Amino acid sequence: MESKTITVDAIGRSEAVPDLATVEAFTIGEGESTSDARAIVKDRATTLRASITDVSTDQIRTVNLQVQDTDEMFDPVTDAPFEATERLHIDCVPENAESVVLDVTNAGGQIQNVQFQLHQEKRRELQSNAISSAMEHAREKAEQMAAAEGLTVAEVQEATTKDVSTGFDSIVDEALASNPDTNMHPAPITVSEGVEVVYELSEE
């Protein structure tokens, strides 16, 4: 006789305060030639790097450097023929993000945004906790459904993870508004995991 089974879906969540911040900054240089604009922007970026006091130099990296003809730009910030932009990512602990922002703006740089996130090891820990929570919820749901039919939940026959669409996708990006000296208090990051579990049922 084929055994009776029940299949349930469940979602588990786990959250933690961000342990990493990335300040996305940029500086602009202008010149009569591409080489002039590039030299100016690199000089300004060097000044900006030296002005950041709460991080080491290996935590500051250039992610993009480009030079554009201002005649081809929609809204150039200069009347010079060429405009260069160097974009930097500055990694720091979240509690230092505000001071990094102030250092950047005081050095003449501009802020694009600030992202708060988790290191990979911490994110994997949250994922593991969320899966454990989802499995607990799944068994509770199965037991409630089985009890209504006078049955009990036995062993797990099969368990698989499922994609969870929450609208947040386990990522929280805190964008910095136009006021760079605003206190930044990042919200906890929530990781969600879904499971589908097949349980064997037995008579009470």
C-alpha atoms as a PDB file:
ATOM      1  CA  MET A   1       0.000   0.000   0.000  1.00  0.00           C
ATOM      2  CA  GLU A   2       1.351   3.329  -0.988  1.00  0.00           C
ATOM      3  CA  SER A   3       2.154   5.565   1.985  1.00  0.00           C
ATOM      4  CA  LYS A   4       0.307   8.808   2.479  1.00  0.00           C
ATOM      5  CA  THR A   5       2.271  12.027   2.132  1.00  0.00           C
ATOM      6  CA  ILE A   6       1.718  15.738   2.513  1.00  0.00           C
ATOM      7  CA  THR A   7       3.589  18.540   0.734  1.00  0.00           C
ATOM      8  CA  VAL A   8       3.959  21.979   2.301  1.00  0.00           C
ATOM      9  CA  ASP A   9       5.733  25.212   1.465  1.00  0.00           C
ATOM     10  CA  ALA A  10       7.246  27.501   4.078  1.00  0.00           C
ATOM     11  CA  ILE A  11       9.448  30.576   4.314  1.00  0.00           C
ATOM     12  CA  GLY A  12      12.051  31.335   6.973  1.00  0.00           C
ATOM     13  CA  ARG A  13      13.793  34.609   7.653  1.00  0.00           C
ATOM     14  CA  SER A  14      16.883  35.720   9.513  1.00  0.00           C
ATOM     15  CA  GLU A  15      18.242  39.233   9.933  1.00  0.00           C
ATOM     16  CA  ALA A  16      21.348  41.037  11.111  1.00  0.00           C
ATOM     17  CA  VAL A  17      22.708  44.549  11.239  1.00  0.00           C
ATOM     18  CA  PRO A  18      24.977  45.290   8.231  1.00  0.00           C
ATOM     19  CA  ASP A  19      28.673  44.755   8.911  1.00  0.00           C
ATOM     20  CA  LEU A  20      30.009  46.429   5.752  1.00  0.00           C
ATOM     21  CA  ALA A  21      29.459  49.806   4.123  1.00  0.00           C
ATOM     22  CA  THR A  22      30.579  50.906   0.676  1.00  0.00           C
ATOM     23  CA  VAL A  23      30.695  54.628  -0.003  1.00  0.00           C
ATOM     24  CA  GLU A  24      30.441  55.309  -3.736  1.00  0.00           C
ATOM     25  CA  ALA A  25      32.154  58.607  -4.498  1.00  0.00           C
ATOM     26  CA  PHE A  26      33.403  60.429  -7.558  1.00  0.00           C
ATOM     27  CA  THR A  27      35.456  63.422  -8.541  1.00  0.00           C
ATOM     28  CA  ILE A  28      35.416  65.466 -11.731  1.00  0.00           C
ATOM     29  CA  GLY A  29      38.172  67.119 -13.738  1.00  0.00           C
ATOM     30  CA  GLU A  30      37.920  69.356 -16.771  1.00  0.00           C
ATOM     31  CA  GLY A  31      40.421  70.414 -19.408  1.00  0.00           C
ATOM     32  CA  GLU A  32      41.149  71.648 -22.908  1.00  0.00           C
ATOM     33  CA  SER A  33      42.214  68.128 -23.923  1.00  0.00           C
ATOM     34  CA  THR A  34      41.495  64.583 -22.826  1.00  0.00           C
ATOM     35  CA  SER A  35      44.948  64.295 -21.248  1.00  0.00           C
ATOM     36  CA  ASP A  36      44.463  67.531 -19.294  1.00  0.00           C
ATOM     37  CA  ALA A  37      41.063  66.437 -17.984  1.00  0.00           C
ATOM     38  CA  ARG A  38      42.411  63.004 -17.043  1.00  0.00           C
ATOM     39  CA  ALA A  39      45.422  64.467 -15.233  1.00  0.00           C
ATOM     40  CA  ILE A  40      43.245  66.884 -13.256  1.00  0.00           C
ATOM     41  CA  VAL A  41      40.716  64.257 -12.200  1.00  0.00           C
ATOM     42  CA  LYS A  42      43.455  61.843 -11.149  1.00  0.00           C
ATOM     43  CA  ASP A  43      45.100  64.591  -9.093  1.00  0.00           C
ATOM     44  CA  ARG A  44      41.791  65.354  -7.387  1.00  0.00           C
ATOM     45  CA  ALA A  45      41.185  61.656  -6.749  1.00  0.00           C
ATOM     46  CA  THR A  46      44.648  61.395  -5.162  1.00  0.00           C
ATOM     47  CA  THR A  47      43.787  64.301  -2.876  1.00  0.00           C
ATOM     48  CA  LEU A  48      40.494  62.656  -2.006  1.00  0.00           C
ATOM     49  CA  ARG A  49      42.200  59.350  -1.168  1.00  0.00           C
ATOM     50  CA  ALA A  50      44.683  61.093   1.126  1.00  0.00           C
ATOM     51  CA  SER A  51      41.862  62.909   2.919  1.00  0.00           C
ATOM     52  CA  ILE A  52      40.015  59.768   4.051  1.00  0.00           C
ATOM     53  CA  THR A  53      41.259  59.076   7.553  1.00  0.00           C
ATOM     54  CA  ASP A  54      39.236  56.100   8.824  1.00  0.00           C
ATOM     55  CA  VAL A  55      40.168  53.505   6.201  1.00  0.00           C
ATOM     56  CA  SER A  56      43.384  52.064   4.823  1.00  0.00           C
ATOM     57  CA  THR A  57      44.464  52.687   1.237  1.00  0.00           C
ATOM     58  CA  ASP A  58      43.622  49.133   0.159  1.00  0.00           C
ATOM     59  CA  GLN A  59      39.981  49.801   1.052  1.00  0.00           C
ATOM     60  CA  ILE A  60      39.750  52.522  -1.605  1.00  0.00           C
ATOM     61  CA  ARG A  61      39.573  51.425  -5.216  1.00  0.00           C
ATOM     62  CA  THR A  62      38.903  53.112  -8.541  1.00  0.00           C
ATOM     63  CA  VAL A  63      36.019  51.372 -10.307  1.00  0.00           C
ATOM     64  CA  ASN A  64      35.689  53.647 -13.336  1.00  0.00           C
ATOM     65  CA  LEU A  65      37.648  56.396 -15.078  1.00  0.00           C
ATOM     66  CA  GLN A  66      36.287  58.044 -18.196  1.00  0.00           C
ATOM     67  CA  VAL A  67      36.786  61.188 -20.249  1.00  0.00           C
ATOM     68  CA  GLN A  68      33.958  62.669 -22.319  1.00  0.00           C
ATOM     69  CA  ASP A  69      33.601  65.391 -24.905  1.00  0.00           C
ATOM     70  CA  THR A  70      31.247  67.888 -23.251  1.00  0.00           C
ATOM     71  CA  ASP A  71      29.611  68.637 -26.619  1.00  0.00           C
ATOM     72  CA  GLU A  72      28.269  65.074 -26.507  1.00  0.00           C
ATOM     73  CA  MET A  73      27.022  65.289 -22.909  1.00  0.00           C
ATOM     74  CA  PHE A  74      23.438  66.076 -21.965  1.00  0.00           C
ATOM     75  CA  ASP A  75      24.204  68.330 -19.005  1.00  0.00           C
ATOM     76  CA  PRO A  76      27.940  68.917 -18.497  1.00  0.00           C
ATOM     77  CA  VAL A  77      29.037  70.620 -15.286  1.00  0.00           C
ATOM     78  CA  THR A  78      31.788  72.561 -17.038  1.00  0.00           C
ATOM     79  CA  ASP A  79      32.280  74.781 -20.067  1.00  0.00           C
ATOM     80  CA  ALA A  80      35.616  73.093 -20.815  1.00  0.00           C
ATOM     81  CA  PRO A  81      35.809  70.925 -23.940  1.00  0.00           C
ATOM     82  CA  PHE A  82      36.450  67.724 -21.953  1.00  0.00           C
ATOM     83  CA  GLU A  83      35.243  66.358 -18.643  1.00  0.00           C
ATOM     84  CA  ALA A  84      36.793  63.421 -16.810  1.00  0.00           C
ATOM     85  CA  THR A  85      35.154  61.432 -13.993  1.00  0.00           C
ATOM     86  CA  GLU A  86      36.862  59.011 -11.617  1.00  0.00           C
ATOM     87  CA  ARG A  87      34.569  56.844  -9.507  1.00  0.00           C
ATOM     88  CA  LEU A  88      35.763  55.345  -6.250  1.00  0.00           C
ATOM     89  CA  HIS A  89      34.386  52.693  -3.925  1.00  0.00           C
ATOM     90  CA  ILE A  90      35.426  53.048  -0.295  1.00  0.00           C
ATOM     91  CA  ASP A  91      34.811  50.065   1.992  1.00  0.00           C
ATOM     92  CA  CYS A  92      34.462  50.651   5.724  1.00  0.00           C
ATOM     93  CA  VAL A  93      32.596  49.486   8.794  1.00  0.00           C
ATOM     94  CA  PRO A  94      29.084  50.982   8.911  1.00  0.00           C
ATOM     95  CA  GLU A  95      29.827  53.206  11.904  1.00  0.00           C
ATOM     96  CA  ASN A  96      32.560  54.963   9.891  1.00  0.00           C
ATOM     97  CA  ALA A  97      30.424  55.612   6.815  1.00  0.00           C
ATOM     98  CA  GLU A  98      29.388  59.081   7.929  1.00  0.00           C
ATOM     99  CA  SER A  99      32.959  60.223   8.611  1.00  0.00           C
ATOM    100  CA  VAL A 100      34.069  58.857   5.226  1.00  0.00           C
ATOM    101  CA  VAL A 101      31.282  60.818   3.532  1.00  0.00           C
ATOM    102  CA  LEU A 102      32.372  63.984   5.309  1.00  0.00           C
ATOM    103  CA  ASP A 103      36.034  63.403   4.382  1.00  0.00           C
ATOM    104  CA  VAL A 104      35.068  62.935   0.733  1.00  0.00           C
ATOM    105  CA  THR A 105      32.902  66.047   0.534  1.00  0.00           C
ATOM    106  CA  ASN A 106      35.416  68.160   2.464  1.00  0.00           C
ATOM    107  CA  ALA A 107      38.072  67.112  -0.065  1.00  0.00           C
ATOM    108  CA  GLY A 108      35.890  68.296  -2.943  1.00  0.00           C
ATOM    109  CA  GLY A 109      34.539  64.903  -3.942  1.00  0.00           C
ATOM    110  CA  GLN A 110      30.901  64.004  -4.450  1.00  0.00           C
ATOM    111  CA  ILE A 111      28.835  61.125  -3.095  1.00  0.00           C
ATOM    112  CA  GLN A 112      26.782  58.911  -5.400  1.00  0.00           C
ATOM    113  CA  ASN A 113      25.372  56.685  -2.667  1.00  0.00           C
ATOM    114  CA  VAL A 114      26.184  54.541   0.349  1.00  0.00           C
ATOM    115  CA  GLN A 115      25.418  50.830   0.381  1.00  0.00           C
ATOM    116  CA  PHE A 116      25.151  48.802   3.569  1.00  0.00           C
ATOM    117  CA  GLN A 117      25.569  45.073   3.221  1.00  0.00           C
ATOM    118  CA  LEU A 118      26.879  41.869   4.784  1.00  0.00           C
ATOM    119  CA  HIS A 119      30.160  40.035   4.399  1.00  0.00           C
ATOM    120  CA  GLN A 120      29.760  36.714   2.613  1.00  0.00           C
ATOM    121  CA  GLU A 121      30.399  34.650   5.738  1.00  0.00           C
ATOM    122  CA  LYS A 122      27.674  36.497   7.662  1.00  0.00           C
ATOM    123  CA  ARG A 123      25.233  36.215   4.745  1.00  0.00           C
ATOM    124  CA  ARG A 124      25.805  32.441   4.568  1.00  0.00           C
ATOM    125  CA  GLU A 125      25.107  32.235   8.309  1.00  0.00           C
ATOM    126  CA  LEU A 126      21.806  34.083   7.823  1.00  0.00           C
ATOM    127  CA  GLN A 127      20.888  31.810   4.926  1.00  0.00           C
ATOM    128  CA  SER A 128      21.510  28.739   7.081  1.00  0.00           C
ATOM    129  CA  ASN A 129      19.402  30.167   9.905  1.00  0.00           C
ATOM    130  CA  ALA A 130      16.614  31.078   7.485  1.00  0.00           C
ATOM    131  CA  ILE A 131      16.524  27.553   6.046  1.00  0.00           C
ATOM    132  CA  SER A 132      16.354  26.073   9.561  1.00  0.00           C
ATOM    133  CA  SER A 133      13.490  28.420  10.378  1.00  0.00           C
ATOM    134  CA  ALA A 134      11.690  27.504   7.143  1.00  0.00           C
ATOM    135  CA  MET A 135      11.973  23.791   7.944  1.00  0.00           C
ATOM    136  CA  GLU A 136      10.513  24.393  11.410  1.00  0.00           C
ATOM    137  CA  HIS A 137       7.590  26.319   9.917  1.00  0.00           C
ATOM    138  CA  ALA A 138       7.050  23.593   7.334  1.00  0.00           C
ATOM    139  CA  ARG A 139       6.747  20.883   9.988  1.00  0.00           C
ATOM    140  CA  GLU A 140       4.392  23.025  12.083  1.00  0.00           C
ATOM    141  CA  LYS A 141       2.176  23.601   9.051  1.00  0.00           C
ATOM    142  CA  ALA A 142       2.230  19.917   8.119  1.00  0.00           C
ATOM    143  CA  GLU A 143       1.341  18.877  11.662  1.00  0.00           C
ATOM    144  CA  GLN A 144      -1.636  21.238  11.748  1.00  0.00           C
ATOM    145  CA  MET A 145      -2.927  19.960   8.422  1.00  0.00           C
ATOM    146  CA  ALA A 146      -2.359  16.322   9.352  1.00  0.00           C
ATOM    147  CA  ALA A 147      -4.081  16.692  12.726  1.00  0.00           C
ATOM    148  CA  ALA A 148      -7.217  17.936  10.983  1.00  0.00           C
ATOM    149  CA  GLU A 149      -7.390  14.557   9.223  1.00  0.00           C
ATOM    150  CA  GLY A 150      -6.521  12.494  12.299  1.00  0.00           C
ATOM    151  CA  LEU A 151      -2.998  11.778  11.049  1.00  0.00           C
ATOM    152  CA  THR A 152       0.514  12.436  12.319  1.00  0.00           C
ATOM    153  CA  VAL A 153       3.617  13.651  10.505  1.00  0.00           C
ATOM    154  CA  ALA A 154       6.436  11.129  10.218  1.00  0.00           C
ATOM    155  CA  GLU A 155       9.708  11.309   8.309  1.00  0.00           C
ATOM    156  CA  VAL A 156      10.747  13.814   5.649  1.00  0.00           C
ATOM    157  CA  GLN A 157      10.537  12.184   2.230  1.00  0.00           C
ATOM    158  CA  GLU A 158      11.942  15.075   0.214  1.00  0.00           C
ATOM    159  CA  ALA A 159      12.984  18.677   0.814  1.00  0.00           C
ATOM    160  CA  THR A 160      14.006  21.322  -1.687  1.00  0.00           C
ATOM    161  CA  THR A 161      14.683  25.040  -1.509  1.00  0.00           C
ATOM    162  CA  LYS A 162      12.536  27.494  -3.457  1.00  0.00           C
ATOM    163  CA  ASP A 163      13.084  31.024  -4.712  1.00  0.00           C
ATOM    164  CA  VAL A 164      11.477  33.655  -2.527  1.00  0.00           C
ATOM    165  CA  SER A 165      10.236  36.869  -4.102  1.00  0.00           C
ATOM    166  CA  THR A 166       9.906  39.406  -1.299  1.00  0.00           C
ATOM    167  CA  GLY A 167      10.435  42.636  -3.213  1.00  0.00           C
ATOM    168  CA  PHE A 168      13.685  43.138  -1.295  1.00  0.00           C
ATOM    169  CA  ASP A 169      15.612  40.061  -2.461  1.00  0.00           C
ATOM    170  CA  SER A 170      17.625  39.962   0.751  1.00  0.00           C
ATOM    171  CA  ILE A 171      19.488  43.112  -0.161  1.00  0.00           C
ATOM    172  CA  VAL A 172      19.201  46.467   1.519  1.00  0.00           C
ATOM    173  CA  ASP A 173      20.780  49.475  -0.197  1.00  0.00           C
ATOM    174  CA  GLU A 174      20.692  52.649   1.851  1.00  0.00           C
ATOM    175  CA  ALA A 175      21.094  55.580  -0.535  1.00  0.00           C
ATOM    176  CA  LEU A 176      22.501  58.809   0.843  1.00  0.00           C
ATOM    177  CA  ALA A 177      20.297  61.820   0.173  1.00  0.00           C
ATOM    178  CA  SER A 178      21.555  65.227  -0.876  1.00  0.00           C
ATOM    179  CA  ASN A 179      22.510  66.155   2.677  1.00  0.00           C
ATOM    180  CA  PRO A 180      25.881  64.431   3.257  1.00  0.00           C
ATOM    181  CA  ASP A 181      26.039  65.103   7.012  1.00  0.00           C
ATOM    182  CA  THR A 182      22.819  63.213   7.760  1.00  0.00           C
ATOM    183  CA  ASN A 183      23.234  60.553  10.451  1.00  0.00           C
ATOM    184  CA  MET A 184      23.105  57.152   8.790  1.00  0.00           C
ATOM    185  CA  HIS A 185      21.439  54.315  10.672  1.00  0.00           C
ATOM    186  CA  PRO A 186      21.208  51.296   8.360  1.00  0.00           C
ATOM    187  CA  ALA A 187      18.252  48.988   8.825  1.00  0.00           C
ATOM    188  CA  PRO A 188      18.856  45.281   9.467  1.00  0.00           C
ATOM    189  CA  ILE A 189      19.270  43.122   6.392  1.00  0.00           C
ATOM    190  CA  THR A 190      16.782  40.269   6.124  1.00  0.00           C
ATOM    191  CA  VAL A 191      17.594  37.054   4.270  1.00  0.00           C
ATOM    192  CA  SER A 192      14.606  34.918   3.259  1.00  0.00           C
ATOM    193  CA  GLU A 193      14.690  31.258   2.232  1.00  0.00           C
ATOM    194  CA  GLY A 194      11.809  29.111   0.993  1.00  0.00           C
ATOM    195  CA  VAL A 195      11.463  25.329   1.213  1.00  0.00           C
ATOM    196  CA  GLU A 196       9.098  22.698  -0.152  1.00  0.00           C
ATOM    197  CA  VAL A 197       8.937  19.604   2.033  1.00  0.00           C
ATOM    198  CA  VAL A 198       7.228  16.264   1.493  1.00  0.00           C
ATOM    199  CA  TYR A 199       6.405  14.388   4.724  1.00  0.00           C
ATOM    200  CA  GLU A 200       5.208  10.845   5.201  1.00  0.00           C
ATOM    201  CA  LEU A 201       1.971  10.570   7.181  1.00  0.00           C
ATOM    202  CA  SER A 202       0.953   7.880   9.623  1.00  0.00           C
ATOM    203  CA  GLU A 203      -2.202   6.941  11.511  1.00  0.00           C
ATOM    204  CA  GLU A 204      -2.446   8.243  15.070  1.00  0.00           C
END
